[in-house]
Amino acid sequence: MERKHFALKKLMEAVEKELLHKPNKKTLDRLSMLAGFQSWETFQEALHGDADARTNYRE
């Protein structure tokens, strides 16, 4: 029983570590593109500022 408890504890630690893992910039840029933005930075500017996705498509 003690071995199962230890194995379960290790599994939970691995899951928590992965959940807390921050995605890299390339992944964040790709997710931002799905939302209509050119990069993670432009998405953040729109999220926390006055800009929106239309600023990426000005001519």
PDB file of N, CA and C in Angstrom:
ATOM      1  N   MET A   1       0.822  -1.196   0.000  1.00  0.00           N
ATOM      2  CA  MET A   1       0.000   0.000   0.000  1.00  0.00           C
ATOM      3  C   MET A   1       0.861   1.252   0.000  1.00  0.00           C
ATOM      4  N   GLU A   2       1.959   1.198   0.727  1.00  0.00           N
ATOM      5  CA  GLU A   2       2.842   2.355   0.815  1.00  0.00           C
ATOM      6  C   GLU A   2       3.468   2.669  -0.550  1.00  0.00           C
ATOM      7  N   ARG A   3       3.775   1.642  -1.325  1.00  0.00           N
ATOM      8  CA  ARG A   3       4.346   1.838  -2.666  1.00  0.00           C
ATOM      9  C   ARG A   3       3.342   2.522  -3.585  1.00  0.00           C
ATOM     10  N   LYS A   4       2.083   2.146  -3.493  1.00  0.00           N
ATOM     11  CA  LYS A   4       1.039   2.768  -4.308  1.00  0.00           C
ATOM     12  C   LYS A   4       0.877   4.239  -3.940  1.00  0.00           C
ATOM     13  N   HIS A   5       0.936   4.528  -2.669  1.00  0.00           N
ATOM     14  CA  HIS A   5       0.834   5.908  -2.210  1.00  0.00           C
ATOM     15  C   HIS A   5       1.990   6.733  -2.753  1.00  0.00           C
ATOM     16  N   PHE A   6       3.196   6.186  -2.689  1.00  0.00           N
ATOM     17  CA  PHE A   6       4.376   6.875  -3.202  1.00  0.00           C
ATOM     18  C   PHE A   6       4.259   7.100  -4.712  1.00  0.00           C
ATOM     19  N   ALA A   7       3.815   6.082  -5.449  1.00  0.00           N
ATOM     20  CA  ALA A   7       3.661   6.199  -6.906  1.00  0.00           C
ATOM     21  C   ALA A   7       2.604   7.242  -7.260  1.00  0.00           C
ATOM     22  N   LEU A   8       1.497   7.241  -6.528  1.00  0.00           N
ATOM     23  CA  LEU A   8       0.447   8.223  -6.768  1.00  0.00           C
ATOM     24  C   LEU A   8       0.943   9.630  -6.468  1.00  0.00           C
ATOM     25  N   LYS A   9       1.702   9.784  -5.399  1.00  0.00           N
ATOM     26  CA  LYS A   9       2.254  11.091  -5.050  1.00  0.00           C
ATOM     27  C   LYS A   9       3.192  11.593  -6.153  1.00  0.00           C
ATOM     28  N   LYS A  10       4.045  10.716  -6.675  1.00  0.00           N
ATOM     29  CA  LYS A  10       4.952  11.090  -7.760  1.00  0.00           C
ATOM     30  C   LYS A  10       4.179  11.476  -9.022  1.00  0.00           C
ATOM     31  N   LEU A  11       3.125  10.736  -9.327  1.00  0.00           N
ATOM     32  CA  LEU A  11       2.302  11.051 -10.484  1.00  0.00           C
ATOM     33  C   LEU A  11       1.652  12.422 -10.336  1.00  0.00           C
ATOM     34  N   MET A  12       1.117  12.703  -9.168  1.00  0.00           N
ATOM     35  CA  MET A  12       0.483  14.002  -8.922  1.00  0.00           C
ATOM     36  C   MET A  12       1.498  15.142  -9.012  1.00  0.00           C
ATOM     37  N   GLU A  13       2.703  14.933  -8.530  1.00  0.00           N
ATOM     38  CA  GLU A  13       3.746  15.956  -8.636  1.00  0.00           C
ATOM     39  C   GLU A  13       4.067  16.241 -10.094  1.00  0.00           C
ATOM     40  N   ALA A  14       4.145  15.193 -10.907  1.00  0.00           N
ATOM     41  CA  ALA A  14       4.443  15.367 -12.332  1.00  0.00           C
ATOM     42  C   ALA A  14       3.313  16.119 -13.036  1.00  0.00           C
ATOM     43  N   VAL A  15       2.071  15.787 -12.710  1.00  0.00           N
ATOM     44  CA  VAL A  15       0.924  16.463 -13.319  1.00  0.00           C
ATOM     45  C   VAL A  15       0.904  17.930 -12.915  1.00  0.00           C
ATOM     46  N   GLU A  16       1.097  18.223 -11.651  1.00  0.00           N
ATOM     47  CA  GLU A  16       1.106  19.610 -11.186  1.00  0.00           C
ATOM     48  C   GLU A  16       2.219  20.403 -11.838  1.00  0.00           C
ATOM     49  N   LYS A  17       3.381  19.805 -11.975  1.00  0.00           N
ATOM     50  CA  LYS A  17       4.510  20.485 -12.613  1.00  0.00           C
ATOM     51  C   LYS A  17       4.171  20.831 -14.060  1.00  0.00           C
ATOM     52  N   GLU A  18       3.532  19.921 -14.760  1.00  0.00           N
ATOM     53  CA  GLU A  18       3.175  20.165 -16.156  1.00  0.00           C
ATOM     54  C   GLU A  18       2.092  21.233 -16.265  1.00  0.00           C
ATOM     55  N   LEU A  19       1.142  21.235 -15.338  1.00  0.00           N
ATOM     56  CA  LEU A  19       0.087  22.237 -15.365  1.00  0.00           C
ATOM     57  C   LEU A  19       0.624  23.640 -15.098  1.00  0.00           C
ATOM     58  N   LEU A  20       1.667  23.728 -14.301  1.00  0.00           N
ATOM     59  CA  LEU A  20       2.247  25.019 -13.969  1.00  0.00           C
ATOM     60  C   LEU A  20       3.288  25.466 -14.984  1.00  0.00           C
ATOM     61  N   HIS A  21       3.610  24.599 -15.938  1.00  0.00           N
ATOM     62  CA  HIS A  21       4.610  24.900 -16.945  1.00  0.00           C
ATOM     63  C   HIS A  21       4.092  25.976 -17.896  1.00  0.00           C
ATOM     64  N   LYS A  22       4.855  27.033 -18.083  1.00  0.00           N
ATOM     65  CA  LYS A  22       4.458  28.117 -18.978  1.00  0.00           C
ATOM     66  C   LYS A  22       4.833  27.749 -20.416  1.00  0.00           C
ATOM     67  N   PRO A  23       3.905  27.910 -21.353  1.00  0.00           N
ATOM     68  CA  PRO A  23       4.217  27.608 -22.754  1.00  0.00           C
ATOM     69  C   PRO A  23       5.309  28.538 -23.282  1.00  0.00           C
ATOM     70  N   ASN A  24       6.074  28.061 -24.264  1.00  0.00           N
ATOM     71  CA  ASN A  24       7.129  28.907 -24.823  1.00  0.00           C
ATOM     72  C   ASN A  24       6.539  29.958 -25.762  1.00  0.00           C
ATOM     73  N   LYS A  25       7.368  30.905 -26.188  1.00  0.00           N
ATOM     74  CA  LYS A  25       6.904  32.030 -27.002  1.00  0.00           C
ATOM     75  C   LYS A  25       6.299  31.564 -28.326  1.00  0.00           C
ATOM     76  N   LYS A  26       6.881  30.550 -28.933  1.00  0.00           N
ATOM     77  CA  LYS A  26       6.376  30.052 -30.213  1.00  0.00           C
ATOM     78  C   LYS A  26       4.941  29.540 -30.060  1.00  0.00           C
ATOM     79  N   THR A  27       4.671  28.824 -28.993  1.00  0.00           N
ATOM     80  CA  THR A  27       3.328  28.314 -28.732  1.00  0.00           C
ATOM     81  C   THR A  27       2.358  29.464 -28.483  1.00  0.00           C
ATOM     82  N   LEU A  28       2.785  30.446 -27.704  1.00  0.00           N
ATOM     83  CA  LEU A  28       1.926  31.599 -27.419  1.00  0.00           C
ATOM     84  C   LEU A  28       1.631  32.393 -28.689  1.00  0.00           C
ATOM     85  N   ASP A  29       2.626  32.551 -29.573  1.00  0.00           N
ATOM     86  CA  ASP A  29       2.409  33.244 -30.843  1.00  0.00           C
ATOM     87  C   ASP A  29       1.384  32.502 -31.702  1.00  0.00           C
ATOM     88  N   ARG A  30       1.490  31.188 -31.749  1.00  0.00           N
ATOM     89  CA  ARG A  30       0.544  30.395 -32.546  1.00  0.00           C
ATOM     90  C   ARG A  30      -0.873  30.483 -31.998  1.00  0.00           C
ATOM     91  N   LEU A  31      -1.010  30.435 -30.690  1.00  0.00           N
ATOM     92  CA  LEU A  31      -2.340  30.571 -30.090  1.00  0.00           C
ATOM     93  C   LEU A  31      -2.920  31.955 -30.357  1.00  0.00           C
ATOM     94  N   SER A  32      -2.071  32.974 -30.322  1.00  0.00           N
ATOM     95  CA  SER A  32      -2.520  34.339 -30.601  1.00  0.00           C
ATOM     96  C   SER A  32      -2.994  34.476 -32.037  1.00  0.00           C
ATOM     97  N   MET A  33      -2.310  33.806 -32.960  1.00  0.00           N
ATOM     98  CA  MET A  33      -2.721  33.854 -34.364  1.00  0.00           C
ATOM     99  C   MET A  33      -4.101  33.245 -34.549  1.00  0.00           C
ATOM    100  N   LEU A  34      -4.419  32.204 -33.794  1.00  0.00           N
ATOM    101  CA  LEU A  34      -5.758  31.610 -33.861  1.00  0.00           C
ATOM    102  C   LEU A  34      -6.827  32.599 -33.405  1.00  0.00           C
ATOM    103  N   ALA A  35      -6.443  33.502 -32.523  1.00  0.00           N
ATOM    104  CA  ALA A  35      -7.383  34.505 -32.019  1.00  0.00           C
ATOM    105  C   ALA A  35      -7.420  35.743 -32.911  1.00  0.00           C
ATOM    106  N   GLY A  36      -6.601  35.761 -33.993  1.00  0.00           N
ATOM    107  CA  GLY A  36      -6.641  36.882 -34.928  1.00  0.00           C
ATOM    108  C   GLY A  36      -5.557  37.920 -34.722  1.00  0.00           C
ATOM    109  N   PHE A  37      -4.547  37.608 -33.966  1.00  0.00           N
ATOM    110  CA  PHE A  37      -3.460  38.550 -33.701  1.00  0.00           C
ATOM    111  C   PHE A  37      -2.177  38.055 -34.360  1.00  0.00           C
ATOM    112  N   GLN A  38      -1.244  38.964 -34.606  1.00  0.00           N
ATOM    113  CA  GLN A  38      -0.003  38.613 -35.281  1.00  0.00           C
ATOM    114  C   GLN A  38       1.028  37.990 -34.347  1.00  0.00           C
ATOM    115  N   SER A  39       0.938  38.297 -33.070  1.00  0.00           N
ATOM    116  CA  SER A  39       1.914  37.771 -32.113  1.00  0.00           C
ATOM    117  C   SER A  39       1.326  37.805 -30.711  1.00  0.00           C
ATOM    118  N   TRP A  40       2.045  37.195 -29.781  1.00  0.00           N
ATOM    119  CA  TRP A  40       1.643  37.203 -28.384  1.00  0.00           C
ATOM    120  C   TRP A  40       1.636  38.634 -27.840  1.00  0.00           C
ATOM    121  N   GLU A  41       2.623  39.416 -28.268  1.00  0.00           N
ATOM    122  CA  GLU A  41       2.714  40.794 -27.784  1.00  0.00           C
ATOM    123  C   GLU A  41       1.505  41.621 -28.213  1.00  0.00           C
ATOM    124  N   THR A  42       1.084  41.486 -29.479  1.00  0.00           N
ATOM    125  CA  THR A  42      -0.073  42.258 -29.928  1.00  0.00           C
ATOM    126  C   THR A  42      -1.352  41.788 -29.236  1.00  0.00           C
ATOM    127  N   PHE A  43      -1.429  40.508 -28.958  1.00  0.00           N
ATOM    128  CA  PHE A  43      -2.577  39.991 -28.206  1.00  0.00           C
ATOM    129  C   PHE A  43      -2.598  40.593 -26.803  1.00  0.00           C
ATOM    130  N   GLN A  44      -1.441  40.627 -26.149  1.00  0.00           N
ATOM    131  CA  GLN A  44      -1.354  41.196 -24.810  1.00  0.00           C
ATOM    132  C   GLN A  44      -1.707  42.674 -24.805  1.00  0.00           C
ATOM    133  N   GLU A  45      -1.257  43.401 -25.834  1.00  0.00           N
ATOM    134  CA  GLU A  45      -1.591  44.825 -25.936  1.00  0.00           C
ATOM    135  C   GLU A  45      -3.102  45.015 -26.063  1.00  0.00           C
ATOM    136  N   ALA A  46      -3.746  44.175 -26.856  1.00  0.00           N
ATOM    137  CA  ALA A  46      -5.198  44.271 -27.015  1.00  0.00           C
ATOM    138  C   ALA A  46      -5.912  43.873 -25.729  1.00  0.00           C
ATOM    139  N   LEU A  47      -5.392  42.881 -25.061  1.00  0.00           N
ATOM    140  CA  LEU A  47      -6.012  42.399 -23.842  1.00  0.00           C
ATOM    141  C   LEU A  47      -5.912  43.416 -22.712  1.00  0.00           C
ATOM    142  N   HIS A  48      -4.781  44.082 -22.632  1.00  0.00           N
ATOM    143  CA  HIS A  48      -4.539  45.004 -21.519  1.00  0.00           C
ATOM    144  C   HIS A  48      -4.550  46.473 -21.924  1.00  0.00           C
ATOM    145  N   GLY A  49      -4.832  46.760 -23.175  1.00  0.00           N
ATOM    146  CA  GLY A  49      -4.808  48.144 -23.631  1.00  0.00           C
ATOM    147  C   GLY A  49      -6.020  48.474 -24.477  1.00  0.00           C
ATOM    148  N   ASP A  50      -5.838  49.445 -25.376  1.00  0.00           N
ATOM    149  CA  ASP A  50      -6.937  49.918 -26.222  1.00  0.00           C
ATOM    150  C   ASP A  50      -6.954  49.288 -27.605  1.00  0.00           C
ATOM    151  N   ALA A  51      -5.913  48.570 -27.974  1.00  0.00           N
ATOM    152  CA  ALA A  51      -5.823  47.984 -29.309  1.00  0.00           C
ATOM    153  C   ALA A  51      -6.713  46.753 -29.432  1.00  0.00           C
ATOM    154  N   ASP A  52      -7.025  46.381 -30.690  1.00  0.00           N
ATOM    155  CA  ASP A  52      -7.741  45.138 -30.946  1.00  0.00           C
ATOM    156  C   ASP A  52      -7.141  44.476 -32.180  1.00  0.00           C
ATOM    157  N   ALA A  53      -7.718  43.395 -32.623  1.00  0.00           N
ATOM    158  CA  ALA A  53      -7.146  42.639 -33.742  1.00  0.00           C
ATOM    159  C   ALA A  53      -7.124  43.434 -35.034  1.00  0.00           C
ATOM    160  N   ARG A  54      -8.004  44.422 -35.172  1.00  0.00           N
ATOM    161  CA  ARG A  54      -8.025  45.211 -36.402  1.00  0.00           C
ATOM    162  C   ARG A  54      -6.749  45.995 -36.611  1.00  0.00           C
ATOM    163  N   THR A  55      -6.006  46.301 -35.554  1.00  0.00           N
ATOM    164  CA  THR A  55      -4.759  47.056 -35.715  1.00  0.00           C
ATOM    165  C   THR A  55      -3.719  46.255 -36.468  1.00  0.00           C
ATOM    166  N   ASN A  56      -3.860  44.944 -36.524  1.00  0.00           N
ATOM    167  CA  ASN A  56      -2.911  44.093 -37.246  1.00  0.00           C
ATOM    168  C   ASN A  56      -3.135  44.121 -38.745  1.00  0.00           C
ATOM    169  N   TYR A  57      -4.262  44.628 -39.197  1.00  0.00           N
ATOM    170  CA  TYR A  57      -4.606  44.545 -40.609  1.00  0.00           C
ATOM    171  C   TYR A  57      -4.796  45.916 -41.262  1.00  0.00           C
ATOM    172  N   ARG A  58      -4.214  46.917 -40.666  1.00  0.00           N
ATOM    173  CA  ARG A  58      -4.278  48.253 -41.273  1.00  0.00           C
ATOM    174  C   ARG A  58      -3.386  48.297 -42.505  1.00  0.00           C
ATOM    175  N   GLU A  59      -3.839  49.040 -43.502  1.00  0.00           N
ATOM    176  CA  GLU A  59      -3.030  49.168 -44.719  1.00  0.00           C
ATOM    177  C   GLU A  59      -2.204  50.414 -44.706  1.00  0.00           C
TER     178      GLU A  59
END
